């Protein structure tokens, strides 16, 4: 069970407030849907170039590929493949 802890902080002249050294360098989300009320939550961000990995279809394909890496290789019939591809 989470216990709530009320802490009073002073907003500095530059409009900043310190959350404490334990949050230094962390990303936070600030919800201010009600004037004078802020809900601050720690968050982690995903770079745009890695966002595709968090889509269910891409994640499933990656998971299948990683599982296949642990399987022994299967011998290929190169003649049949060449015929299938329309080779000479």
N, C-alpha and C. Protein backbone atom coordinates (compact mmCIF):
# COMPACT_ATOMS: atom_id res chain seq x y z
N UNK A 1 0.84 -1.17 0.00
CA UNK A 1 0.00 0.00 0.00
C UNK A 1 0.89 1.24 0.00
N UNK A 2 0.61 2.20 -0.89
CA UNK A 2 1.35 3.46 -0.95
C UNK A 2 0.89 4.38 0.15
N UNK A 3 1.85 4.99 0.82
CA UNK A 3 1.48 5.99 1.82
C UNK A 3 1.80 7.36 1.25
N UNK A 4 0.88 8.28 1.38
CA UNK A 4 1.04 9.63 0.85
C UNK A 4 1.91 10.44 1.80
N UNK A 5 2.76 11.28 1.21
CA UNK A 5 3.64 12.13 2.02
C UNK A 5 3.53 13.54 1.49
N UNK A 6 3.09 14.45 2.30
CA UNK A 6 2.94 15.85 1.92
C UNK A 6 4.22 16.61 2.27
N UNK A 7 4.79 17.30 1.29
CA UNK A 7 6.01 18.06 1.49
C UNK A 7 5.79 19.47 0.96
N UNK A 8 6.17 20.47 1.73
CA UNK A 8 6.05 21.87 1.29
C UNK A 8 7.35 22.28 0.61
N UNK A 9 7.24 22.88 -0.58
CA UNK A 9 8.39 23.38 -1.34
C UNK A 9 8.14 24.83 -1.71
N UNK A 10 9.18 25.61 -1.82
CA UNK A 10 9.08 27.01 -2.22
C UNK A 10 9.48 27.12 -3.68
N UNK A 11 8.62 27.76 -4.49
CA UNK A 11 8.97 28.01 -5.88
C UNK A 11 9.91 29.19 -5.91
N UNK A 12 11.08 29.02 -6.54
CA UNK A 12 12.10 30.06 -6.59
C UNK A 12 11.69 31.20 -7.51
N UNK A 13 12.49 32.27 -7.50
CA UNK A 13 12.19 33.45 -8.30
C UNK A 13 12.22 33.15 -9.80
N UNK A 14 12.93 32.10 -10.19
CA UNK A 14 12.99 31.73 -11.61
C UNK A 14 11.85 30.78 -11.99
N UNK A 15 10.98 30.46 -11.01
CA UNK A 15 9.84 29.59 -11.29
C UNK A 15 10.15 28.11 -11.16
N UNK A 16 11.30 27.79 -10.59
CA UNK A 16 11.71 26.39 -10.45
C UNK A 16 11.44 25.86 -9.06
N UNK A 17 11.29 24.53 -8.99
CA UNK A 17 11.11 23.85 -7.72
C UNK A 17 12.01 22.62 -7.73
N UNK A 18 12.61 22.31 -6.61
CA UNK A 18 13.50 21.15 -6.50
C UNK A 18 12.72 19.97 -5.94
N UNK A 19 12.85 18.83 -6.61
CA UNK A 19 12.18 17.62 -6.12
C UNK A 19 13.11 16.79 -5.25
N UNK A 20 14.39 17.11 -5.24
CA UNK A 20 15.37 16.38 -4.45
C UNK A 20 16.38 15.68 -5.33
N UNK A 21 17.56 15.43 -4.76
CA UNK A 21 18.65 14.83 -5.53
C UNK A 21 18.31 13.44 -6.06
N UNK A 22 17.43 12.72 -5.40
CA UNK A 22 17.09 11.37 -5.87
C UNK A 22 16.39 11.39 -7.23
N UNK A 23 15.90 12.55 -7.64
CA UNK A 23 15.24 12.67 -8.95
C UNK A 23 16.10 13.40 -9.97
N UNK A 24 17.34 13.73 -9.61
CA UNK A 24 18.23 14.46 -10.51
C UNK A 24 18.41 13.68 -11.81
N UNK A 25 18.22 14.35 -12.93
CA UNK A 25 18.39 13.74 -14.24
C UNK A 25 17.23 12.90 -14.72
N UNK A 26 16.22 12.72 -13.91
CA UNK A 26 15.06 11.91 -14.30
C UNK A 26 14.09 12.73 -15.14
N UNK A 27 13.32 12.04 -15.97
CA UNK A 27 12.25 12.67 -16.73
C UNK A 27 10.98 12.56 -15.92
N UNK A 28 10.18 13.63 -15.88
CA UNK A 28 8.91 13.59 -15.17
C UNK A 28 7.80 14.10 -16.07
N UNK A 29 6.60 13.63 -15.81
CA UNK A 29 5.39 14.14 -16.46
C UNK A 29 4.67 14.98 -15.44
N UNK A 30 4.21 16.14 -15.86
CA UNK A 30 3.49 17.03 -14.95
C UNK A 30 2.09 17.25 -15.49
N UNK A 31 1.10 16.80 -14.73
CA UNK A 31 -0.31 16.98 -15.09
C UNK A 31 -0.84 18.17 -14.30
N UNK A 32 -1.29 19.19 -15.02
CA UNK A 32 -1.84 20.36 -14.34
C UNK A 32 -3.24 20.64 -14.88
N UNK A 33 -4.08 19.63 -14.88
CA UNK A 33 -5.43 19.76 -15.44
C UNK A 33 -6.34 20.64 -14.59
N UNK A 34 -5.97 20.85 -13.33
CA UNK A 34 -6.73 21.74 -12.44
C UNK A 34 -5.80 22.86 -12.01
N UNK A 35 -6.20 24.12 -12.18
CA UNK A 35 -5.31 25.22 -11.78
C UNK A 35 -4.86 25.09 -10.32
N UNK A 36 -3.55 25.21 -10.12
CA UNK A 36 -3.00 25.14 -8.77
C UNK A 36 -2.75 23.73 -8.26
N UNK A 37 -3.08 22.72 -9.07
CA UNK A 37 -2.85 21.33 -8.66
C UNK A 37 -1.94 20.67 -9.70
N UNK A 38 -0.83 20.14 -9.24
CA UNK A 38 0.11 19.46 -10.12
C UNK A 38 0.29 18.03 -9.65
N UNK A 39 0.22 17.11 -10.59
CA UNK A 39 0.53 15.72 -10.30
C UNK A 39 1.80 15.42 -11.08
N UNK A 40 2.86 15.07 -10.38
CA UNK A 40 4.17 14.83 -11.00
C UNK A 40 4.47 13.33 -10.91
N UNK A 41 4.76 12.75 -12.08
CA UNK A 41 5.07 11.31 -12.13
C UNK A 41 6.40 11.12 -12.84
N UNK A 42 7.24 10.23 -12.31
CA UNK A 42 8.47 9.90 -13.02
C UNK A 42 8.09 9.12 -14.27
N UNK A 43 8.91 9.27 -15.32
CA UNK A 43 8.62 8.63 -16.59
C UNK A 43 9.91 8.24 -17.29
N UNK A 44 9.78 7.35 -18.25
CA UNK A 44 10.89 7.00 -19.12
C UNK A 44 10.46 7.29 -20.53
N UNK A 45 11.36 7.82 -21.32
CA UNK A 45 11.02 8.16 -22.70
C UNK A 45 11.62 7.14 -23.66
N UNK A 46 11.00 7.02 -24.81
CA UNK A 46 11.46 6.10 -25.85
C UNK A 46 11.87 6.96 -27.05
N UNK A 47 13.11 6.80 -27.51
CA UNK A 47 13.52 7.57 -28.70
C UNK A 47 12.62 7.24 -29.89
N UNK A 48 12.36 8.22 -30.74
CA UNK A 48 11.50 8.02 -31.91
C UNK A 48 11.98 6.86 -32.77
N UNK A 49 13.30 6.70 -32.89
CA UNK A 49 13.84 5.64 -33.75
C UNK A 49 13.64 4.25 -33.17
N UNK A 50 13.24 4.14 -31.90
CA UNK A 50 13.00 2.84 -31.27
C UNK A 50 11.52 2.61 -30.96
N UNK A 51 10.69 3.57 -31.27
CA UNK A 51 9.27 3.47 -30.95
C UNK A 51 8.60 2.29 -31.65
N UNK A 52 9.05 1.97 -32.86
CA UNK A 52 8.46 0.86 -33.63
C UNK A 52 8.57 -0.46 -32.88
N UNK A 53 9.60 -0.61 -32.04
CA UNK A 53 9.78 -1.86 -31.29
C UNK A 53 8.67 -2.09 -30.27
N UNK A 54 7.97 -1.05 -29.91
CA UNK A 54 6.92 -1.16 -28.89
C UNK A 54 5.54 -1.37 -29.50
N UNK A 55 5.48 -1.57 -30.82
CA UNK A 55 4.23 -1.91 -31.48
C UNK A 55 4.06 -3.42 -31.40
N UNK A 56 2.87 -3.94 -31.09
CA UNK A 56 2.69 -5.38 -30.88
C UNK A 56 3.19 -6.25 -32.05
N UNK A 57 2.91 -5.84 -33.28
CA UNK A 57 3.32 -6.66 -34.43
C UNK A 57 4.85 -6.73 -34.54
N UNK A 58 5.51 -5.60 -34.40
CA UNK A 58 6.97 -5.57 -34.48
C UNK A 58 7.59 -6.35 -33.34
N UNK A 59 7.04 -6.21 -32.15
CA UNK A 59 7.55 -6.93 -30.99
C UNK A 59 7.43 -8.43 -31.20
N UNK A 60 6.30 -8.88 -31.74
CA UNK A 60 6.09 -10.32 -31.98
C UNK A 60 7.09 -10.84 -33.01
N UNK A 61 7.33 -10.07 -34.08
CA UNK A 61 8.31 -10.49 -35.10
C UNK A 61 9.70 -10.58 -34.51
N UNK A 62 10.08 -9.61 -33.70
CA UNK A 62 11.39 -9.61 -33.07
C UNK A 62 11.52 -10.79 -32.12
N UNK A 63 10.48 -11.06 -31.37
CA UNK A 63 10.51 -12.18 -30.43
C UNK A 63 10.69 -13.51 -31.17
N UNK A 64 9.97 -13.69 -32.31
CA UNK A 64 10.12 -14.90 -33.12
C UNK A 64 11.55 -15.03 -33.65
N UNK A 65 12.12 -13.91 -34.09
CA UNK A 65 13.48 -13.93 -34.62
C UNK A 65 14.48 -14.32 -33.53
N UNK A 66 14.31 -13.77 -32.34
CA UNK A 66 15.22 -14.10 -31.24
C UNK A 66 15.10 -15.56 -30.84
N UNK A 67 13.89 -16.10 -30.84
CA UNK A 67 13.71 -17.52 -30.54
C UNK A 67 14.37 -18.39 -31.60
N UNK A 68 14.26 -17.98 -32.87
CA UNK A 68 14.84 -18.75 -33.97
C UNK A 68 16.36 -18.78 -33.88
N UNK A 69 16.96 -17.77 -33.31
CA UNK A 69 18.42 -17.73 -33.20
C UNK A 69 18.94 -18.88 -32.34
N UNK A 70 18.11 -19.38 -31.45
CA UNK A 70 18.52 -20.48 -30.57
C UNK A 70 18.29 -21.86 -31.19
N UNK A 71 17.70 -21.91 -32.36
CA UNK A 71 17.43 -23.18 -33.03
C UNK A 71 18.59 -23.55 -33.94
N UNK A 72 18.85 -24.86 -34.10
CA UNK A 72 19.92 -25.26 -35.02
C UNK A 72 19.51 -24.95 -36.47
N UNK A 73 20.49 -24.65 -37.33
CA UNK A 73 20.17 -24.34 -38.72
C UNK A 73 19.60 -25.55 -39.45
N UNK A 74 18.77 -25.28 -40.44
CA UNK A 74 18.16 -26.33 -41.27
C UNK A 74 18.84 -26.28 -42.62
N UNK A 75 19.22 -27.46 -43.12
CA UNK A 75 19.87 -27.53 -44.43
C UNK A 75 18.89 -27.07 -45.50
N UNK A 76 19.38 -26.24 -46.42
CA UNK A 76 18.54 -25.72 -47.49
C UNK A 76 18.79 -26.50 -48.78
N UNK A 77 17.72 -26.69 -49.54
CA UNK A 77 17.82 -27.30 -50.87
C UNK A 77 17.97 -26.16 -51.87
N UNK A 78 19.22 -25.84 -52.21
CA UNK A 78 19.48 -24.68 -53.05
C UNK A 78 18.95 -24.86 -54.47
N UNK A 79 18.95 -26.08 -54.98
CA UNK A 79 18.40 -26.32 -56.32
C UNK A 79 16.90 -26.00 -56.34
N UNK A 80 16.16 -26.46 -55.33
CA UNK A 80 14.73 -26.19 -55.26
C UNK A 80 14.48 -24.69 -55.09
N UNK A 81 15.31 -24.03 -54.31
CA UNK A 81 15.15 -22.58 -54.13
C UNK A 81 15.39 -21.85 -55.45
N UNK A 82 16.41 -22.26 -56.19
CA UNK A 82 16.70 -21.62 -57.47
C UNK A 82 15.54 -21.82 -58.45
N UNK A 83 14.95 -22.99 -58.47
CA UNK A 83 13.79 -23.24 -59.34
C UNK A 83 12.61 -22.37 -58.90
N UNK A 84 12.40 -22.29 -57.60
CA UNK A 84 11.30 -21.49 -57.06
C UNK A 84 11.46 -20.02 -57.45
N UNK A 85 12.70 -19.53 -57.46
CA UNK A 85 12.96 -18.15 -57.78
C UNK A 85 13.05 -17.90 -59.29
N UNK A 86 12.94 -18.95 -60.06
CA UNK A 86 12.95 -18.80 -61.51
C UNK A 86 14.33 -18.69 -62.10
N UNK A 87 15.31 -19.27 -61.45
CA UNK A 87 16.69 -19.22 -61.94
C UNK A 87 16.91 -20.20 -63.09
N UNK A 88 18.14 -20.23 -63.64
CA UNK A 88 18.44 -21.10 -64.79
C UNK A 88 18.35 -22.58 -64.48
